[in-house]
Amino acid sequence: MPPIIEGPPEDGEAPRPLGKRLFWFALLWIGSLAAVAAVAYTLRAFIL
């Protein structure tokens, strides 16, 4: 299993493709947005 946090590529090792890196960035962004929305709506339900 590859490490989760990667440093700079080693000598002779190619960096990961840009599309794959952007996919993970977008996935984390959408996941965090959904988590914040879920917490906000949950708190709103308890307050009202």
Protein backbone atom coordinates (compact mmCIF):
# COMPACT_ATOMS: atom_id res chain seq x y z
CA MET A 1 0.00 0.00 0.00
CA PRO A 2 1.50 3.37 -0.98
CA PRO A 3 2.02 5.95 1.75
CA ILE A 4 -0.86 8.37 2.31
CA ILE A 5 1.33 11.45 2.64
CA GLU A 6 3.90 11.60 -0.09
CA GLY A 7 7.03 13.67 -0.23
CA PRO A 8 8.77 14.77 -3.39
CA PRO A 9 9.44 12.00 -5.92
CA GLU A 10 12.65 10.04 -5.51
CA ASP A 11 15.34 10.17 -8.18
CA GLY A 12 14.08 8.41 -11.30
CA GLU A 13 10.50 8.25 -10.02
CA ALA A 14 7.82 10.07 -12.01
CA PRO A 15 5.28 12.23 -10.13
CA ARG A 16 1.69 11.00 -10.05
CA PRO A 17 -0.52 12.15 -12.94
CA LEU A 18 -2.17 15.54 -12.51
CA GLY A 19 -5.64 14.11 -13.16
CA LYS A 20 -5.28 11.63 -10.30
CA ARG A 21 -4.07 14.34 -7.91
CA LEU A 22 -6.91 16.66 -8.91
CA PHE A 23 -9.43 13.84 -8.47
CA TRP A 24 -8.34 13.27 -4.86
CA PHE A 25 -8.34 17.01 -4.17
CA ALA A 26 -11.89 17.33 -5.53
CA LEU A 27 -13.04 14.25 -3.62
CA LEU A 28 -11.67 15.62 -0.33
CA TRP A 29 -13.17 19.06 -1.04
CA ILE A 30 -16.64 17.64 -1.75
CA GLY A 31 -16.42 15.32 1.27
CA SER A 32 -15.49 18.14 3.61
CA LEU A 33 -18.25 20.32 2.17
CA ALA A 34 -20.78 17.55 2.79
CA ALA A 35 -19.51 17.04 6.34
CA VAL A 36 -19.82 20.74 7.17
CA ALA A 37 -23.33 20.85 5.67
CA ALA A 38 -24.38 17.78 7.67
CA VAL A 39 -23.14 19.31 10.92
CA ALA A 40 -24.80 22.65 10.13
CA TYR A 41 -28.18 21.06 9.37
CA THR A 42 -27.93 18.85 12.46
CA LEU A 43 -27.22 21.83 14.69
CA ARG A 44 -30.01 23.78 13.02
CA ALA A 45 -32.45 20.92 13.74
CA PHE A 46 -31.47 20.93 17.43
CA ILE A 47 -31.79 24.72 17.75
CA LEU A 48 -35.13 25.06 15.99
